[in-house]
Amino acid sequence: MSELGKQRMTRNKATTAKVVGFGRTDSRVRIIFDGSSYPVSIHISYLERDK
């Protein structure tokens, strides 16, 4: 999660996720957070790539 994502998604405790698809627009992605069993759609600016 990026700093913006951490500020705006305060209930989410997971810091890593797996991208599983794209949302309805180019600025959204579908991800599954570690420990979760269902995907969510979030804005791409909420993520940062793991090195």
PDB file of N, CA and C in Angstrom:
ATOM      1  N   MET A   1       0.842  -1.169   0.000  1.00  0.00           N
ATOM      2  CA  MET A   1       0.000   0.000   0.000  1.00  0.00           C
ATOM      3  C   MET A   1       0.892   1.238   0.000  1.00  0.00           C
ATOM      4  N   SER A   2       0.455   2.225  -0.735  1.00  0.00           N
ATOM      5  CA  SER A   2       1.146   3.510  -0.722  1.00  0.00           C
ATOM      6  C   SER A   2       0.721   4.289   0.521  1.00  0.00           C
ATOM      7  N   GLU A   3       1.375   5.408   0.776  1.00  0.00           N
ATOM      8  CA  GLU A   3       0.999   6.239   1.918  1.00  0.00           C
ATOM      9  C   GLU A   3      -0.431   6.744   1.774  1.00  0.00           C
ATOM     10  N   LEU A   4      -0.837   7.100   0.566  1.00  0.00           N
ATOM     11  CA  LEU A   4      -2.207   7.549   0.323  1.00  0.00           C
ATOM     12  C   LEU A   4      -3.196   6.435   0.633  1.00  0.00           C
ATOM     13  N   GLY A   5      -2.883   5.217   0.215  1.00  0.00           N
ATOM     14  CA  GLY A   5      -3.752   4.084   0.492  1.00  0.00           C
ATOM     15  C   GLY A   5      -3.881   3.794   1.973  1.00  0.00           C
ATOM     16  N   LYS A   6      -2.778   3.910   2.708  1.00  0.00           N
ATOM     17  CA  LYS A   6      -2.817   3.686   4.156  1.00  0.00           C
ATOM     18  C   LYS A   6      -3.664   4.734   4.861  1.00  0.00           C
ATOM     19  N   GLN A   7      -3.617   5.978   4.378  1.00  0.00           N
ATOM     20  CA  GLN A   7      -4.410   7.045   4.983  1.00  0.00           C
ATOM     21  C   GLN A   7      -5.898   6.867   4.713  1.00  0.00           C
ATOM     22  N   ARG A   8      -6.244   6.429   3.515  1.00  0.00           N
ATOM     23  CA  ARG A   8      -7.653   6.368   3.129  1.00  0.00           C
ATOM     24  C   ARG A   8      -8.333   5.047   3.449  1.00  0.00           C
ATOM     25  N   MET A   9      -7.568   3.981   3.609  1.00  0.00           N
ATOM     26  CA  MET A   9      -8.136   2.668   3.914  1.00  0.00           C
ATOM     27  C   MET A   9      -7.667   2.253   5.306  1.00  0.00           C
ATOM     28  N   THR A  10      -8.159   2.926   6.313  1.00  0.00           N
ATOM     29  CA  THR A  10      -7.673   2.714   7.678  1.00  0.00           C
ATOM     30  C   THR A  10      -8.107   1.381   8.275  1.00  0.00           C
ATOM     31  N   ARG A  11      -9.204   0.810   7.829  1.00  0.00           N
ATOM     32  CA  ARG A  11      -9.671  -0.464   8.395  1.00  0.00           C
ATOM     33  C   ARG A  11      -8.869  -1.647   7.888  1.00  0.00           C
ATOM     34  N   ASN A  12      -8.178  -1.486   6.756  1.00  0.00           N
ATOM     35  CA  ASN A  12      -7.416  -2.579   6.191  1.00  0.00           C
ATOM     36  C   ASN A  12      -6.078  -2.708   6.908  1.00  0.00           C
ATOM     37  N   LYS A  13      -5.796  -3.873   7.466  1.00  0.00           N
ATOM     38  CA  LYS A  13      -4.545  -4.099   8.186  1.00  0.00           C
ATOM     39  C   LYS A  13      -3.488  -4.764   7.309  1.00  0.00           C
ATOM     40  N   ALA A  14      -3.879  -5.374   6.197  1.00  0.00           N
ATOM     41  CA  ALA A  14      -2.920  -6.038   5.313  1.00  0.00           C
ATOM     42  C   ALA A  14      -2.118  -4.994   4.542  1.00  0.00           C
ATOM     43  N   THR A  15      -0.852  -5.279   4.347  1.00  0.00           N
ATOM     44  CA  THR A  15      -0.004  -4.344   3.614  1.00  0.00           C
ATOM     45  C   THR A  15       0.395  -4.890   2.247  1.00  0.00           C
ATOM     46  N   THR A  16       0.147  -6.175   2.006  1.00  0.00           N
ATOM     47  CA  THR A  16       0.480  -6.759   0.710  1.00  0.00           C
ATOM     48  C   THR A  16      -0.765  -7.384   0.100  1.00  0.00           C
ATOM     49  N   ALA A  17      -0.755  -7.458  -1.230  1.00  0.00           N
ATOM     50  CA  ALA A  17      -1.896  -8.000  -1.953  1.00  0.00           C
ATOM     51  C   ALA A  17      -1.429  -8.549  -3.289  1.00  0.00           C
ATOM     52  N   LYS A  18      -2.306  -9.284  -3.942  1.00  0.00           N
ATOM     53  CA  LYS A  18      -2.026  -9.849  -5.253  1.00  0.00           C
ATOM     54  C   LYS A  18      -3.021  -9.259  -6.252  1.00  0.00           C
ATOM     55  N   VAL A  19      -2.513  -8.717  -7.347  1.00  0.00           N
ATOM     56  CA  VAL A  19      -3.384  -8.169  -8.391  1.00  0.00           C
ATOM     57  C   VAL A  19      -3.979  -9.334  -9.172  1.00  0.00           C
ATOM     58  N   VAL A  20      -5.315  -9.340  -9.312  1.00  0.00           N
ATOM     59  CA  VAL A  20      -5.982 -10.435 -10.010  1.00  0.00           C
ATOM     60  C   VAL A  20      -6.736  -9.974 -11.252  1.00  0.00           C
ATOM     61  N   GLY A  21      -6.783  -8.672 -11.504  1.00  0.00           N
ATOM     62  CA  GLY A  21      -7.489  -8.193 -12.686  1.00  0.00           C
ATOM     63  C   GLY A  21      -7.599  -6.683 -12.699  1.00  0.00           C
ATOM     64  N   PHE A  22      -8.392  -6.206 -13.626  1.00  0.00           N
ATOM     65  CA  PHE A  22      -8.588  -4.775 -13.793  1.00  0.00           C
ATOM     66  C   PHE A  22     -10.021  -4.409 -13.478  1.00  0.00           C
ATOM     67  N   GLY A  23     -10.222  -3.165 -13.051  1.00  0.00           N
ATOM     68  CA  GLY A  23     -11.556  -2.665 -12.749  1.00  0.00           C
ATOM     69  C   GLY A  23     -12.255  -2.186 -14.008  1.00  0.00           C
ATOM     70  N   ARG A  24     -13.335  -1.450 -13.822  1.00  0.00           N
ATOM     71  CA  ARG A  24     -14.112  -0.951 -14.963  1.00  0.00           C
ATOM     72  C   ARG A  24     -13.402   0.168 -15.707  1.00  0.00           C
ATOM     73  N   THR A  25     -12.478   0.849 -15.037  1.00  0.00           N
ATOM     74  CA  THR A  25     -11.708   1.915 -15.677  1.00  0.00           C
ATOM     75  C   THR A  25     -10.223   1.579 -15.583  1.00  0.00           C
ATOM     76  N   ASP A  26      -9.422   2.323 -16.327  1.00  0.00           N
ATOM     77  CA  ASP A  26      -7.981   2.073 -16.333  1.00  0.00           C
ATOM     78  C   ASP A  26      -7.314   2.431 -15.008  1.00  0.00           C
ATOM     79  N   SER A  27      -7.971   3.224 -14.198  1.00  0.00           N
ATOM     80  CA  SER A  27      -7.366   3.678 -12.947  1.00  0.00           C
ATOM     81  C   SER A  27      -7.704   2.781 -11.758  1.00  0.00           C
ATOM     82  N   ARG A  28      -8.399   1.664 -11.985  1.00  0.00           N
ATOM     83  CA  ARG A  28      -8.768   0.757 -10.899  1.00  0.00           C
ATOM     84  C   ARG A  28      -8.256  -0.643 -11.187  1.00  0.00           C
ATOM     85  N   VAL A  29      -7.858  -1.342 -10.111  1.00  0.00           N
ATOM     86  CA  VAL A  29      -7.410  -2.729 -10.235  1.00  0.00           C
ATOM     87  C   VAL A  29      -8.152  -3.581  -9.218  1.00  0.00           C
ATOM     88  N   ARG A  30      -8.270  -4.860  -9.521  1.00  0.00           N
ATOM     89  CA  ARG A  30      -8.882  -5.826  -8.610  1.00  0.00           C
ATOM     90  C   ARG A  30      -7.750  -6.553  -7.902  1.00  0.00           C
ATOM     91  N   ILE A  31      -7.797  -6.570  -6.578  1.00  0.00           N
ATOM     92  CA  ILE A  31      -6.742  -7.211  -5.806  1.00  0.00           C
ATOM     93  C   ILE A  31      -7.341  -8.079  -4.715  1.00  0.00           C
ATOM     94  N   ILE A  32      -6.541  -9.023  -4.246  1.00  0.00           N
ATOM     95  CA  ILE A  32      -6.896  -9.836  -3.079  1.00  0.00           C
ATOM     96  C   ILE A  32      -5.821  -9.577  -2.033  1.00  0.00           C
ATOM     97  N   PHE A  33      -6.212  -8.976  -0.916  1.00  0.00           N
ATOM     98  CA  PHE A  33      -5.281  -8.739   0.174  1.00  0.00           C
ATOM     99  C   PHE A  33      -4.904 -10.058   0.828  1.00  0.00           C
ATOM    100  N   ASP A  34      -3.688 -10.139   1.356  1.00  0.00           N
ATOM    101  CA  ASP A  34      -3.253 -11.321   2.088  1.00  0.00           C
ATOM    102  C   ASP A  34      -4.186 -11.560   3.264  1.00  0.00           C
ATOM    103  N   GLY A  35      -4.655 -12.784   3.401  1.00  0.00           N
ATOM    104  CA  GLY A  35      -5.578 -13.132   4.470  1.00  0.00           C
ATOM    105  C   GLY A  35      -7.032 -12.984   4.095  1.00  0.00           C
ATOM    106  N   SER A  36      -7.322 -12.473   2.889  1.00  0.00           N
ATOM    107  CA  SER A  36      -8.697 -12.294   2.432  1.00  0.00           C
ATOM    108  C   SER A  36      -9.037 -13.362   1.398  1.00  0.00           C
ATOM    109  N   SER A  37     -10.317 -13.648   1.253  1.00  0.00           N
ATOM    110  CA  SER A  37     -10.713 -14.667   0.292  1.00  0.00           C
ATOM    111  C   SER A  37     -11.502 -14.103  -0.888  1.00  0.00           C
ATOM    112  N   TYR A  38     -11.671 -12.779  -0.933  1.00  0.00           N
ATOM    113  CA  TYR A  38     -12.433 -12.181  -2.026  1.00  0.00           C
ATOM    114  C   TYR A  38     -11.706 -10.941  -2.539  1.00  0.00           C
ATOM    115  N   PRO A  39     -11.843 -10.643  -3.827  1.00  0.00           N
ATOM    116  CA  PRO A  39     -11.166  -9.471  -4.387  1.00  0.00           C
ATOM    117  C   PRO A  39     -11.927  -8.178  -4.116  1.00  0.00           C
ATOM    118  N   VAL A  40     -11.189  -7.080  -4.116  1.00  0.00           N
ATOM    119  CA  VAL A  40     -11.764  -5.746  -4.002  1.00  0.00           C
ATOM    120  C   VAL A  40     -11.190  -4.898  -5.124  1.00  0.00           C
ATOM    121  N   SER A  41     -11.894  -3.853  -5.474  1.00  0.00           N
ATOM    122  CA  SER A  41     -11.455  -2.940  -6.518  1.00  0.00           C
ATOM    123  C   SER A  41     -11.014  -1.643  -5.860  1.00  0.00           C
ATOM    124  N   ILE A  42      -9.761  -1.229  -6.119  1.00  0.00           N
ATOM    125  CA  ILE A  42      -9.254   0.003  -5.528  1.00  0.00           C
ATOM    126  C   ILE A  42      -8.548   0.826  -6.599  1.00  0.00           C
ATOM    127  N   HIS A  43      -8.340   2.091  -6.298  1.00  0.00           N
ATOM    128  CA  HIS A  43      -7.665   2.997  -7.225  1.00  0.00           C
ATOM    129  C   HIS A  43      -6.181   2.654  -7.278  1.00  0.00           C
ATOM    130  N   ILE A  44      -5.605   2.763  -8.447  1.00  0.00           N
ATOM    131  CA  ILE A  44      -4.210   2.384  -8.659  1.00  0.00           C
ATOM    132  C   ILE A  44      -3.249   3.210  -7.808  1.00  0.00           C
ATOM    133  N   SER A  45      -3.620   4.436  -7.442  1.00  0.00           N
ATOM    134  CA  SER A  45      -2.732   5.283  -6.645  1.00  0.00           C
ATOM    135  C   SER A  45      -2.614   4.792  -5.203  1.00  0.00           C
ATOM    136  N   TYR A  46      -3.474   3.879  -4.773  1.00  0.00           N
ATOM    137  CA  TYR A  46      -3.402   3.335  -3.421  1.00  0.00           C
ATOM    138  C   TYR A  46      -2.338   2.252  -3.302  1.00  0.00           C
ATOM    139  N   LEU A  47      -1.753   1.844  -4.417  1.00  0.00           N
ATOM    140  CA  LEU A  47      -0.777   0.754  -4.420  1.00  0.00           C
ATOM    141  C   LEU A  47       0.606   1.261  -4.782  1.00  0.00           C
ATOM    142  N   GLU A  48       1.597   0.545  -4.330  1.00  0.00           N
ATOM    143  CA  GLU A  48       2.952   0.751  -4.803  1.00  0.00           C
ATOM    144  C   GLU A  48       3.566  -0.633  -5.012  1.00  0.00           C
ATOM    145  N   ARG A  49       4.431  -0.728  -5.980  1.00  0.00           N
ATOM    146  CA  ARG A  49       5.010  -2.016  -6.339  1.00  0.00           C
ATOM    147  C   ARG A  49       6.032  -2.447  -5.298  1.00  0.00           C
ATOM    148  N   ASP A  50       5.991  -3.729  -4.958  1.00  0.00           N
ATOM    149  CA  ASP A  50       6.962  -4.308  -4.039  1.00  0.00           C
ATOM    150  C   ASP A  50       8.259  -4.551  -4.807  1.00  0.00           C
ATOM    151  N   LYS A  51       9.353  -4.262  -4.171  1.00  0.00           N
ATOM    152  CA  LYS A  51      10.642  -4.387  -4.861  1.00  0.00           C
ATOM    153  C   LYS A  51      11.243  -5.735  -4.733  1.00  0.00           C
TER     154      LYS A  51
END
